[in-house]
Amino acid sequence: MATKGESLKGDRVLTYVAIYFFGIFSGIVAYLLAGEMKNAKEAERVRFHGIQAMVLGAVMLVVSFVPFVGIIWVLVWLYGVYLGYVAGRGGEANIPYVSGLANMYK
């Protein structure tokens, strides 16, 4: 049986995976709803990952229009889900070059 701390950790992992799962849309929702959070540090972290998810979703959108590279779209999406998992476990999940942009606007 899971303890309360383990359950909360599982919910946090699910939250961060969901931020990256739907790309641009869930990134926007996470960014906007982070303002309603009571914990300022966690709200800032959610905004950071919301911005990264939006940029990653935009990359996925652009790549999806290029013929014969559909596999790249899937790989970018899987990378986003992996980043959500790492972030939910409390690790550093930074996308090179994008994390600097996300730090400016979080």
PDB file of N, CA and C in Angstrom:
ATOM      1  N   MET A   1       0.844  -1.176   0.000  1.00  0.00           N
ATOM      2  CA  MET A   1       0.000   0.000   0.000  1.00  0.00           C
ATOM      3  C   MET A   1       0.891   1.241   0.000  1.00  0.00           C
ATOM      4  N   ALA A   2       0.546   2.201  -0.812  1.00  0.00           N
ATOM      5  CA  ALA A   2       1.345   3.425  -0.939  1.00  0.00           C
ATOM      6  C   ALA A   2       1.044   4.373   0.213  1.00  0.00           C
ATOM      7  N   THR A   3       2.097   5.008   0.686  1.00  0.00           N
ATOM      8  CA  THR A   3       1.911   6.009   1.728  1.00  0.00           C
ATOM      9  C   THR A   3       1.465   7.310   1.097  1.00  0.00           C
ATOM     10  N   LYS A   4       1.088   8.250   1.940  1.00  0.00           N
ATOM     11  CA  LYS A   4       0.604   9.533   1.436  1.00  0.00           C
ATOM     12  C   LYS A   4       1.689  10.262   0.645  1.00  0.00           C
ATOM     13  N   GLY A   5       2.926  10.234   1.088  1.00  0.00           N
ATOM     14  CA  GLY A   5       4.033  10.889   0.387  1.00  0.00           C
ATOM     15  C   GLY A   5       4.280  10.290  -0.983  1.00  0.00           C
ATOM     16  N   GLU A   6       4.186   8.950  -1.090  1.00  0.00           N
ATOM     17  CA  GLU A   6       4.365   8.304  -2.381  1.00  0.00           C
ATOM     18  C   GLU A   6       3.237   8.659  -3.328  1.00  0.00           C
ATOM     19  N   SER A   7       2.029   8.767  -2.819  1.00  0.00           N
ATOM     20  CA  SER A   7       0.879   9.124  -3.649  1.00  0.00           C
ATOM     21  C   SER A   7       1.023  10.535  -4.200  1.00  0.00           C
ATOM     22  N   LEU A   8       1.465  11.449  -3.345  1.00  0.00           N
ATOM     23  CA  LEU A   8       1.656  12.823  -3.805  1.00  0.00           C
ATOM     24  C   LEU A   8       2.756  12.901  -4.846  1.00  0.00           C
ATOM     25  N   LYS A   9       3.806  12.110  -4.687  1.00  0.00           N
ATOM     26  CA  LYS A   9       4.884  12.097  -5.659  1.00  0.00           C
ATOM     27  C   LYS A   9       4.377  11.559  -7.000  1.00  0.00           C
ATOM     28  N   GLY A  10       3.548  10.532  -6.959  1.00  0.00           N
ATOM     29  CA  GLY A  10       2.967   9.980  -8.174  1.00  0.00           C
ATOM     30  C   GLY A  10       2.069  10.993  -8.869  1.00  0.00           C
ATOM     31  N   ASP A  11       1.313  11.756  -8.098  1.00  0.00           N
ATOM     32  CA  ASP A  11       0.464  12.797  -8.675  1.00  0.00           C
ATOM     33  C   ASP A  11       1.306  13.885  -9.317  1.00  0.00           C
ATOM     34  N   ARG A  12       2.417  14.217  -8.708  1.00  0.00           N
ATOM     35  CA  ARG A  12       3.292  15.247  -9.262  1.00  0.00           C
ATOM     36  C   ARG A  12       3.906  14.775 -10.574  1.00  0.00           C
ATOM     37  N   VAL A  13       4.321  13.512 -10.629  1.00  0.00           N
ATOM     38  CA  VAL A  13       4.863  12.963 -11.873  1.00  0.00           C
ATOM     39  C   VAL A  13       3.803  13.017 -12.956  1.00  0.00           C
ATOM     40  N   LEU A  14       2.587  12.620 -12.621  1.00  0.00           N
ATOM     41  CA  LEU A  14       1.489  12.646 -13.583  1.00  0.00           C
ATOM     42  C   LEU A  14       1.206  14.070 -14.065  1.00  0.00           C
ATOM     43  N   THR A  15       1.282  15.031 -13.172  1.00  0.00           N
ATOM     44  CA  THR A  15       1.055  16.426 -13.541  1.00  0.00           C
ATOM     45  C   THR A  15       2.082  16.912 -14.553  1.00  0.00           C
ATOM     46  N   TYR A  16       3.346  16.654 -14.285  1.00  0.00           N
ATOM     47  CA  TYR A  16       4.391  17.119 -15.194  1.00  0.00           C
ATOM     48  C   TYR A  16       4.384  16.371 -16.519  1.00  0.00           C
ATOM     49  N   VAL A  17       4.073  15.086 -16.498  1.00  0.00           N
ATOM     50  CA  VAL A  17       3.955  14.344 -17.757  1.00  0.00           C
ATOM     51  C   VAL A  17       2.798  14.909 -18.575  1.00  0.00           C
ATOM     52  N   ALA A  18       1.698  15.258 -17.916  1.00  0.00           N
ATOM     53  CA  ALA A  18       0.546  15.831 -18.619  1.00  0.00           C
ATOM     54  C   ALA A  18       0.884  17.189 -19.231  1.00  0.00           C
ATOM     55  N   ILE A  19       1.769  17.958 -18.580  1.00  0.00           N
ATOM     56  CA  ILE A  19       2.166  19.254 -19.136  1.00  0.00           C
ATOM     57  C   ILE A  19       2.814  19.060 -20.504  1.00  0.00           C
ATOM     58  N   TYR A  20       3.651  18.054 -20.634  1.00  0.00           N
ATOM     59  CA  TYR A  20       4.346  17.813 -21.898  1.00  0.00           C
ATOM     60  C   TYR A  20       3.553  16.940 -22.860  1.00  0.00           C
ATOM     61  N   PHE A  21       2.599  16.174 -22.361  1.00  0.00           N
ATOM     62  CA  PHE A  21       1.884  15.188 -23.173  1.00  0.00           C
ATOM     63  C   PHE A  21       1.128  15.830 -24.335  1.00  0.00           C
ATOM     64  N   PHE A  22       0.472  16.937 -24.101  1.00  0.00           N
ATOM     65  CA  PHE A  22      -0.347  17.568 -25.134  1.00  0.00           C
ATOM     66  C   PHE A  22       0.321  18.781 -25.762  1.00  0.00           C
ATOM     67  N   GLY A  23       1.588  18.993 -25.487  1.00  0.00           N
ATOM     68  CA  GLY A  23       2.365  20.024 -26.163  1.00  0.00           C
ATOM     69  C   GLY A  23       1.926  21.440 -25.871  1.00  0.00           C
ATOM     70  N   ILE A  24       1.635  22.173 -26.923  1.00  0.00           N
ATOM     71  CA  ILE A  24       1.323  23.596 -26.824  1.00  0.00           C
ATOM     72  C   ILE A  24       0.114  23.834 -25.911  1.00  0.00           C
ATOM     73  N   PHE A  25      -0.925  23.044 -26.093  1.00  0.00           N
ATOM     74  CA  PHE A  25      -2.171  23.284 -25.374  1.00  0.00           C
ATOM     75  C   PHE A  25      -2.017  23.093 -23.864  1.00  0.00           C
ATOM     76  N   SER A  26      -1.415  21.991 -23.470  1.00  0.00           N
ATOM     77  CA  SER A  26      -1.247  21.768 -22.036  1.00  0.00           C
ATOM     78  C   SER A  26      -0.201  22.709 -21.449  1.00  0.00           C
ATOM     79  N   GLY A  27       0.771  23.143 -22.264  1.00  0.00           N
ATOM     80  CA  GLY A  27       1.739  24.131 -21.795  1.00  0.00           C
ATOM     81  C   GLY A  27       1.077  25.461 -21.475  1.00  0.00           C
ATOM     82  N   ILE A  28       0.164  25.879 -22.331  1.00  0.00           N
ATOM     83  CA  ILE A  28      -0.567  27.136 -22.107  1.00  0.00           C
ATOM     84  C   ILE A  28      -1.434  27.023 -20.852  1.00  0.00           C
ATOM     85  N   VAL A  29      -2.144  25.919 -20.728  1.00  0.00           N
ATOM     86  CA  VAL A  29      -3.012  25.719 -19.562  1.00  0.00           C
ATOM     87  C   VAL A  29      -2.185  25.701 -18.282  1.00  0.00           C
ATOM     88  N   ALA A  30      -1.064  24.979 -18.289  1.00  0.00           N
ATOM     89  CA  ALA A  30      -0.211  24.917 -17.098  1.00  0.00           C
ATOM     90  C   ALA A  30       0.331  26.294 -16.750  1.00  0.00           C
ATOM     91  N   TYR A  31       0.749  27.048 -17.747  1.00  0.00           N
ATOM     92  CA  TYR A  31       1.298  28.381 -17.507  1.00  0.00           C
ATOM     93  C   TYR A  31       0.238  29.295 -16.886  1.00  0.00           C
ATOM     94  N   LEU A  32      -0.971  29.237 -17.403  1.00  0.00           N
ATOM     95  CA  LEU A  32      -2.032  30.105 -16.888  1.00  0.00           C
ATOM     96  C   LEU A  32      -2.515  29.674 -15.504  1.00  0.00           C
ATOM     97  N   LEU A  33      -2.615  28.380 -15.276  1.00  0.00           N
ATOM     98  CA  LEU A  33      -3.114  27.896 -13.984  1.00  0.00           C
ATOM     99  C   LEU A  33      -2.067  27.951 -12.885  1.00  0.00           C
ATOM    100  N   ALA A  34      -0.809  28.110 -13.236  1.00  0.00           N
ATOM    101  CA  ALA A  34       0.244  28.183 -12.215  1.00  0.00           C
ATOM    102  C   ALA A  34       0.068  29.415 -11.339  1.00  0.00           C
ATOM    103  N   GLY A  35      -0.560  30.445 -11.855  1.00  0.00           N
ATOM    104  CA  GLY A  35      -0.805  31.642 -11.062  1.00  0.00           C
ATOM    105  C   GLY A  35      -1.761  31.402  -9.910  1.00  0.00           C
ATOM    106  N   GLU A  36      -2.540  30.341  -9.984  1.00  0.00           N
ATOM    107  CA  GLU A  36      -3.509  30.013  -8.941  1.00  0.00           C
ATOM    108  C   GLU A  36      -2.920  29.138  -7.838  1.00  0.00           C
ATOM    109  N   MET A  37      -1.691  28.712  -8.006  1.00  0.00           N
ATOM    110  CA  MET A  37      -1.072  27.811  -7.028  1.00  0.00           C
ATOM    111  C   MET A  37      -0.642  28.581  -5.784  1.00  0.00           C
ATOM    112  N   LYS A  38      -0.733  27.941  -4.636  1.00  0.00           N
ATOM    113  CA  LYS A  38      -0.365  28.588  -3.374  1.00  0.00           C
ATOM    114  C   LYS A  38       1.135  28.558  -3.127  1.00  0.00           C
ATOM    115  N   ASN A  39       1.805  27.503  -3.560  1.00  0.00           N
ATOM    116  CA  ASN A  39       3.241  27.369  -3.379  1.00  0.00           C
ATOM    117  C   ASN A  39       3.950  28.107  -4.518  1.00  0.00           C
ATOM    118  N   ALA A  40       4.594  29.225  -4.207  1.00  0.00           N
ATOM    119  CA  ALA A  40       5.205  30.073  -5.241  1.00  0.00           C
ATOM    120  C   ALA A  40       6.334  29.365  -5.962  1.00  0.00           C
ATOM    121  N   LYS A  41       7.124  28.587  -5.258  1.00  0.00           N
ATOM    122  CA  LYS A  41       8.239  27.891  -5.882  1.00  0.00           C
ATOM    123  C   LYS A  41       7.737  26.844  -6.876  1.00  0.00           C
ATOM    124  N   GLU A  42       6.711  26.103  -6.497  1.00  0.00           N
ATOM    125  CA  GLU A  42       6.150  25.091  -7.390  1.00  0.00           C
ATOM    126  C   GLU A  42       5.438  25.757  -8.574  1.00  0.00           C
ATOM    127  N   ALA A  43       4.803  26.902  -8.349  1.00  0.00           N
ATOM    128  CA  ALA A  43       4.147  27.629  -9.442  1.00  0.00           C
ATOM    129  C   ALA A  43       5.178  28.095 -10.469  1.00  0.00           C
ATOM    130  N   GLU A  44       6.315  28.569  -9.984  1.00  0.00           N
ATOM    131  CA  GLU A  44       7.375  29.000 -10.891  1.00  0.00           C
ATOM    132  C   GLU A  44       7.907  27.818 -11.705  1.00  0.00           C
ATOM    133  N   ARG A  45       8.017  26.675 -11.074  1.00  0.00           N
ATOM    134  CA  ARG A  45       8.492  25.467 -11.758  1.00  0.00           C
ATOM    135  C   ARG A  45       7.484  25.004 -12.809  1.00  0.00           C
ATOM    136  N   VAL A  46       6.199  25.085 -12.477  1.00  0.00           N
ATOM    137  CA  VAL A  46       5.158  24.699 -13.438  1.00  0.00           C
ATOM    138  C   VAL A  46       5.163  25.662 -14.622  1.00  0.00           C
ATOM    139  N   ARG A  47       5.315  26.963 -14.375  1.00  0.00           N
ATOM    140  CA  ARG A  47       5.399  27.932 -15.477  1.00  0.00           C
ATOM    141  C   ARG A  47       6.596  27.632 -16.376  1.00  0.00           C
ATOM    142  N   PHE A  48       7.747  27.325 -15.762  1.00  0.00           N
ATOM    143  CA  PHE A  48       8.954  27.000 -16.510  1.00  0.00           C
ATOM    144  C   PHE A  48       8.706  25.819 -17.453  1.00  0.00           C
ATOM    145  N   HIS A  49       8.108  24.769 -16.924  1.00  0.00           N
ATOM    146  CA  HIS A  49       7.856  23.585 -17.752  1.00  0.00           C
ATOM    147  C   HIS A  49       6.716  23.817 -18.737  1.00  0.00           C
ATOM    148  N   GLY A  50       5.785  24.696 -18.394  1.00  0.00           N
ATOM    149  CA  GLY A  50       4.751  25.071 -19.357  1.00  0.00           C
ATOM    150  C   GLY A  50       5.335  25.761 -20.574  1.00  0.00           C
ATOM    151  N   ILE A  51       6.292  26.649 -20.359  1.00  0.00           N
ATOM    152  CA  ILE A  51       6.946  27.339 -21.474  1.00  0.00           C
ATOM    153  C   ILE A  51       7.738  26.351 -22.310  1.00  0.00           C
ATOM    154  N   GLN A  52       8.475  25.467 -21.648  1.00  0.00           N
ATOM    155  CA  GLN A  52       9.237  24.470 -22.399  1.00  0.00           C
ATOM    156  C   GLN A  52       8.303  23.585 -23.216  1.00  0.00           C
ATOM    157  N   ALA A  53       7.158  23.214 -22.661  1.00  0.00           N
ATOM    158  CA  ALA A  53       6.195  22.376 -23.374  1.00  0.00           C
ATOM    159  C   ALA A  53       5.621  23.108 -24.581  1.00  0.00           C
ATOM    160  N   MET A  54       5.384  24.420 -24.438  1.00  0.00           N
ATOM    161  CA  MET A  54       4.877  25.199 -25.572  1.00  0.00           C
ATOM    162  C   MET A  54       5.891  25.234 -26.711  1.00  0.00           C
ATOM    163  N   VAL A  55       7.146  25.464 -26.390  1.00  0.00           N
ATOM    164  CA  VAL A  55       8.183  25.519 -27.423  1.00  0.00           C
ATOM    165  C   VAL A  55       8.364  24.151 -28.063  1.00  0.00           C
ATOM    166  N   LEU A  56       8.395  23.101 -27.257  1.00  0.00           N
ATOM    167  CA  LEU A  56       8.531  21.752 -27.791  1.00  0.00           C
ATOM    168  C   LEU A  56       7.331  21.399 -28.668  1.00  0.00           C
ATOM    169  N   GLY A  57       6.146  21.816 -28.270  1.00  0.00           N
ATOM    170  CA  GLY A  57       4.951  21.590 -29.081  1.00  0.00           C
ATOM    171  C   GLY A  57       5.017  22.338 -30.398  1.00  0.00           C
ATOM    172  N   ALA A  58       5.570  23.552 -30.390  1.00  0.00           N
ATOM    173  CA  ALA A  58       5.725  24.308 -31.635  1.00  0.00           C
ATOM    174  C   ALA A  58       6.708  23.604 -32.564  1.00  0.00           C
ATOM    175  N   VAL A  59       7.775  23.061 -32.006  1.00  0.00           N
ATOM    176  CA  VAL A  59       8.738  22.304 -32.816  1.00  0.00           C
ATOM    177  C   VAL A  59       8.053  21.082 -33.420  1.00  0.00           C
ATOM    178  N   MET A  60       7.250  20.400 -32.620  1.00  0.00           N
ATOM    179  CA  MET A  60       6.527  19.226 -33.133  1.00  0.00           C
ATOM    180  C   MET A  60       5.574  19.618 -34.254  1.00  0.00           C
ATOM    181  N   LEU A  61       4.929  20.756 -34.124  1.00  0.00           N
ATOM    182  CA  LEU A  61       4.015  21.223 -35.154  1.00  0.00           C
ATOM    183  C   LEU A  61       4.753  21.504 -36.458  1.00  0.00           C
ATOM    184  N   VAL A  62       5.890  22.166 -36.380  1.00  0.00           N
ATOM    185  CA  VAL A  62       6.670  22.477 -37.579  1.00  0.00           C
ATOM    186  C   VAL A  62       7.187  21.197 -38.220  1.00  0.00           C
ATOM    187  N   VAL A  63       7.702  20.289 -37.414  1.00  0.00           N
ATOM    188  CA  VAL A  63       8.251  19.038 -37.946  1.00  0.00           C
ATOM    189  C   VAL A  63       7.165  18.191 -38.588  1.00  0.00           C
ATOM    190  N   SER A  64       5.947  18.272 -38.103  1.00  0.00           N
ATOM    191  CA  SER A  64       4.873  17.451 -38.655  1.00  0.00           C
ATOM    192  C   SER A  64       4.528  17.822 -40.094  1.00  0.00           C
ATOM    193  N   PHE A  65       4.889  19.023 -40.528  1.00  0.00           N
ATOM    194  CA  PHE A  65       4.605  19.429 -41.902  1.00  0.00           C
ATOM    195  C   PHE A  65       5.681  19.001 -42.889  1.00  0.00           C
ATOM    196  N   VAL A  66       6.805  18.522 -42.400  1.00  0.00           N
ATOM    197  CA  VAL A  66       7.896  18.093 -43.275  1.00  0.00           C
ATOM    198  C   VAL A  66       7.650  16.642 -43.686  1.00  0.00           C
ATOM    199  N   PRO A  67       7.582  16.378 -44.989  1.00  0.00           N
ATOM    200  CA  PRO A  67       7.317  15.010 -45.431  1.00  0.00           C
ATOM    201  C   PRO A  67       8.454  14.053 -45.054  1.00  0.00           C
ATOM    202  N   PHE A  68       8.110  12.825 -44.809  1.00  0.00           N
ATOM    203  CA  PHE A  68       9.037  11.725 -44.560  1.00  0.00           C
ATOM    204  C   PHE A  68       9.820  11.841 -43.254  1.00  0.00           C
ATOM    205  N   VAL A  69       9.423  12.698 -42.353  1.00  0.00           N
ATOM    206  CA  VAL A  69      10.115  12.780 -41.066  1.00  0.00           C
ATOM    207  C   VAL A  69       9.136  12.631 -39.903  1.00  0.00           C
ATOM    208  N   GLY A  70       8.106  11.861 -40.106  1.00  0.00           N
ATOM    209  CA  GLY A  70       7.124  11.635 -39.054  1.00  0.00           C
ATOM    210  C   GLY A  70       7.728  10.989 -37.824  1.00  0.00           C
ATOM    211  N   ILE A  71       8.768  10.196 -38.017  1.00  0.00           N
ATOM    212  CA  ILE A  71       9.413   9.541 -36.881  1.00  0.00           C
ATOM    213  C   ILE A  71      10.049  10.577 -35.962  1.00  0.00           C
ATOM    214  N   ILE A  72      10.511  11.675 -36.508  1.00  0.00           N
ATOM    215  CA  ILE A  72      11.107  12.728 -35.684  1.00  0.00           C
ATOM    216  C   ILE A  72      10.050  13.334 -34.769  1.00  0.00           C
ATOM    217  N   TRP A  73       8.838  13.489 -35.273  1.00  0.00           N
ATOM    218  CA  TRP A  73       7.742  14.016 -34.467  1.00  0.00           C
ATOM    219  C   TRP A  73       7.510  13.122 -33.257  1.00  0.00           C
ATOM    220  N   VAL A  74       7.492  11.821 -33.498  1.00  0.00           N
ATOM    221  CA  VAL A  74       7.275  10.865 -32.408  1.00  0.00           C
ATOM    222  C   VAL A  74       8.420  10.938 -31.410  1.00  0.00           C
ATOM    223  N   LEU A  75       9.649  11.045 -31.893  1.00  0.00           N
ATOM    224  CA  LEU A  75      10.801  11.120 -31.000  1.00  0.00           C
ATOM    225  C   LEU A  75      10.781  12.401 -30.161  1.00  0.00           C
ATOM    226  N   VAL A  76      10.377  13.515 -30.752  1.00  0.00           N
ATOM    227  CA  VAL A  76      10.282  14.777 -30.006  1.00  0.00           C
ATOM    228  C   VAL A  76       9.194  14.663 -28.943  1.00  0.00           C
ATOM    229  N   TRP A  77       8.082  14.045 -29.282  1.00  0.00           N
ATOM    230  CA  TRP A  77       7.002  13.856 -28.321  1.00  0.00           C
ATOM    231  C   TRP A  77       7.454  12.967 -27.166  1.00  0.00           C
ATOM    232  N   LEU A  78       8.131  11.867 -27.478  1.00  0.00           N
ATOM    233  CA  LEU A  78       8.639  10.979 -26.428  1.00  0.00           C
ATOM    234  C   LEU A  78       9.651  11.693 -25.536  1.00  0.00           C
ATOM    235  N   TYR A  79      10.471  12.558 -26.124  1.00  0.00           N
ATOM    236  CA  TYR A  79      11.421  13.344 -25.351  1.00  0.00           C
ATOM    237  C   TYR A  79      10.676  14.255 -24.372  1.00  0.00           C
ATOM    238  N   GLY A  80       9.591  14.842 -24.812  1.00  0.00           N
ATOM    239  CA  GLY A  80       8.784  15.692 -23.936  1.00  0.00           C
ATOM    240  C   GLY A  80       8.177  14.912 -22.788  1.00  0.00           C
ATOM    241  N   VAL A  81       7.661  13.733 -23.067  1.00  0.00           N
ATOM    242  CA  VAL A  81       7.089  12.903 -22.000  1.00  0.00           C
ATOM    243  C   VAL A  81       8.180  12.503 -21.011  1.00  0.00           C
ATOM    244  N   TYR A  82       9.367  12.190 -21.519  1.00  0.00           N
ATOM    245  CA  TYR A  82      10.494  11.863 -20.640  1.00  0.00           C
ATOM    246  C   TYR A  82      10.855  13.064 -19.764  1.00  0.00           C
ATOM    247  N   LEU A  83      10.886  14.263 -20.344  1.00  0.00           N
ATOM    248  CA  LEU A  83      11.174  15.466 -19.559  1.00  0.00           C
ATOM    249  C   LEU A  83      10.143  15.663 -18.456  1.00  0.00           C
ATOM    250  N   GLY A  84       8.878  15.405 -18.761  1.00  0.00           N
ATOM    251  CA  GLY A  84       7.836  15.501 -17.750  1.00  0.00           C
ATOM    252  C   GLY A  84       8.041  14.517 -16.618  1.00  0.00           C
ATOM    253  N   TYR A  85       8.462  13.308 -16.956  1.00  0.00           N
ATOM    254  CA  TYR A  85       8.725  12.295 -15.935  1.00  0.00           C
ATOM    255  C   TYR A  85       9.890  12.729 -15.034  1.00  0.00           C
ATOM    256  N   VAL A  86      10.961  13.206 -15.651  1.00  0.00           N
ATOM    257  CA  VAL A  86      12.131  13.646 -14.879  1.00  0.00           C
ATOM    258  C   VAL A  86      11.761  14.830 -13.988  1.00  0.00           C
ATOM    259  N   ALA A  87      11.010  15.776 -14.515  1.00  0.00           N
ATOM    260  CA  ALA A  87      10.598  16.949 -13.733  1.00  0.00           C
ATOM    261  C   ALA A  87       9.695  16.542 -12.577  1.00  0.00           C
ATOM    262  N   GLY A  88       8.812  15.601 -12.807  1.00  0.00           N
ATOM    263  CA  GLY A  88       7.916  15.142 -11.753  1.00  0.00           C
ATOM    264  C   GLY A  88       8.644  14.428 -10.630  1.00  0.00           C
ATOM    265  N   ARG A  89       9.750  13.797 -10.946  1.00  0.00           N
ATOM    266  CA  ARG A  89      10.554  13.120  -9.932  1.00  0.00           C
ATOM    267  C   ARG A  89      11.480  14.090  -9.201  1.00  0.00           C
ATOM    268  N   GLY A  90      11.453  15.372  -9.597  1.00  0.00           N
ATOM    269  CA  GLY A  90      12.244  16.383  -8.910  1.00  0.00           C
ATOM    270  C   GLY A  90      13.583  16.672  -9.559  1.00  0.00           C
ATOM    271  N   GLY A  91      13.848  16.081 -10.709  1.00  0.00           N
ATOM    272  CA  GLY A  91      15.124  16.278 -11.380  1.00  0.00           C
ATOM    273  C   GLY A  91      15.139  17.519 -12.252  1.00  0.00           C
ATOM    274  N   GLU A  92      16.314  17.826 -12.755  1.00  0.00           N
ATOM    275  CA  GLU A  92      16.468  18.945 -13.681  1.00  0.00           C
ATOM    276  C   GLU A  92      16.075  18.472 -15.074  1.00  0.00           C
ATOM    277  N   ALA A  93      15.110  19.106 -15.669  1.00  0.00           N
ATOM    278  CA  ALA A  93      14.643  18.749 -17.008  1.00  0.00           C
ATOM    279  C   ALA A  93      14.706  19.991 -17.881  1.00  0.00           C
ATOM    280  N   ASN A  94      15.879  20.269 -18.381  1.00  0.00           N
ATOM    281  CA  ASN A  94      16.088  21.458 -19.201  1.00  0.00           C
ATOM    282  C   ASN A  94      16.325  21.072 -20.650  1.00  0.00           C
ATOM    283  N   ILE A  95      15.669  21.770 -21.561  1.00  0.00           N
ATOM    284  CA  ILE A  95      15.921  21.611 -22.982  1.00  0.00           C
ATOM    285  C   ILE A  95      16.990  22.633 -23.348  1.00  0.00           C
ATOM    286  N   PRO A  96      18.067  22.197 -23.994  1.00  0.00           N
ATOM    287  CA  PRO A  96      19.121  23.160 -24.359  1.00  0.00           C
ATOM    288  C   PRO A  96      18.551  24.332 -25.156  1.00  0.00           C
ATOM    289  N   TYR A  97      18.989  25.524 -24.866  1.00  0.00           N
ATOM    290  CA  TYR A  97      18.597  26.788 -25.484  1.00  0.00           C
ATOM    291  C   TYR A  97      17.185  27.236 -25.093  1.00  0.00           C
ATOM    292  N   VAL A  98      16.274  26.316 -24.910  1.00  0.00           N
ATOM    293  CA  VAL A  98      14.895  26.668 -24.559  1.00  0.00           C
ATOM    294  C   VAL A  98      14.801  27.025 -23.072  1.00  0.00           C
ATOM    295  N   SER A  99      15.604  26.383 -22.241  1.00  0.00           N
ATOM    296  CA  SER A  99      15.526  26.638 -20.807  1.00  0.00           C
ATOM    297  C   SER A  99      15.898  28.085 -20.475  1.00  0.00           C
ATOM    298  N   GLY A 100      16.805  28.683 -21.252  1.00  0.00           N
ATOM    299  CA  GLY A 100      17.137  30.095 -21.031  1.00  0.00           C
ATOM    300  C   GLY A 100      15.936  30.995 -21.299  1.00  0.00           C
ATOM    301  N   LEU A 101      15.214  30.700 -22.366  1.00  0.00           N
ATOM    302  CA  LEU A 101      13.993  31.450 -22.689  1.00  0.00           C
ATOM    303  C   LEU A 101      12.944  31.244 -21.603  1.00  0.00           C
ATOM    304  N   ALA A 102      12.795  30.023 -21.157  1.00  0.00           N
ATOM    305  CA  ALA A 102      11.799  29.724 -20.126  1.00  0.00           C
ATOM    306  C   ALA A 102      12.140  30.395 -18.810  1.00  0.00           C
ATOM    307  N   ASN A 103      13.428  30.498 -18.493  1.00  0.00           N
ATOM    308  CA  ASN A 103      13.836  31.196 -17.259  1.00  0.00           C
ATOM    309  C   ASN A 103      13.517  32.681 -17.324  1.00  0.00           C
ATOM    310  N   MET A 104      13.570  33.280 -18.502  1.00  0.00           N
ATOM    311  CA  MET A 104      13.253  34.704 -18.633  1.00  0.00           C
ATOM    312  C   MET A 104      11.795  34.997 -18.393  1.00  0.00           C
ATOM    313  N   TYR A 105      10.887  34.090 -18.776  1.00  0.00           N
ATOM    314  CA  TYR A 105       9.452  34.361 -18.729  1.00  0.00           C
ATOM    315  C   TYR A 105       8.704  33.625 -17.634  1.00  0.00           C
ATOM    316  N   LYS A 106       9.379  32.889 -16.765  1.00  0.00           N
ATOM    317  CA  LYS A 106       8.648  32.133 -15.746  1.00  0.00           C
ATOM    318  C   LYS A 106       8.120  32.961 -14.633  1.00  0.00           C
TER     319      LYS A 106
END
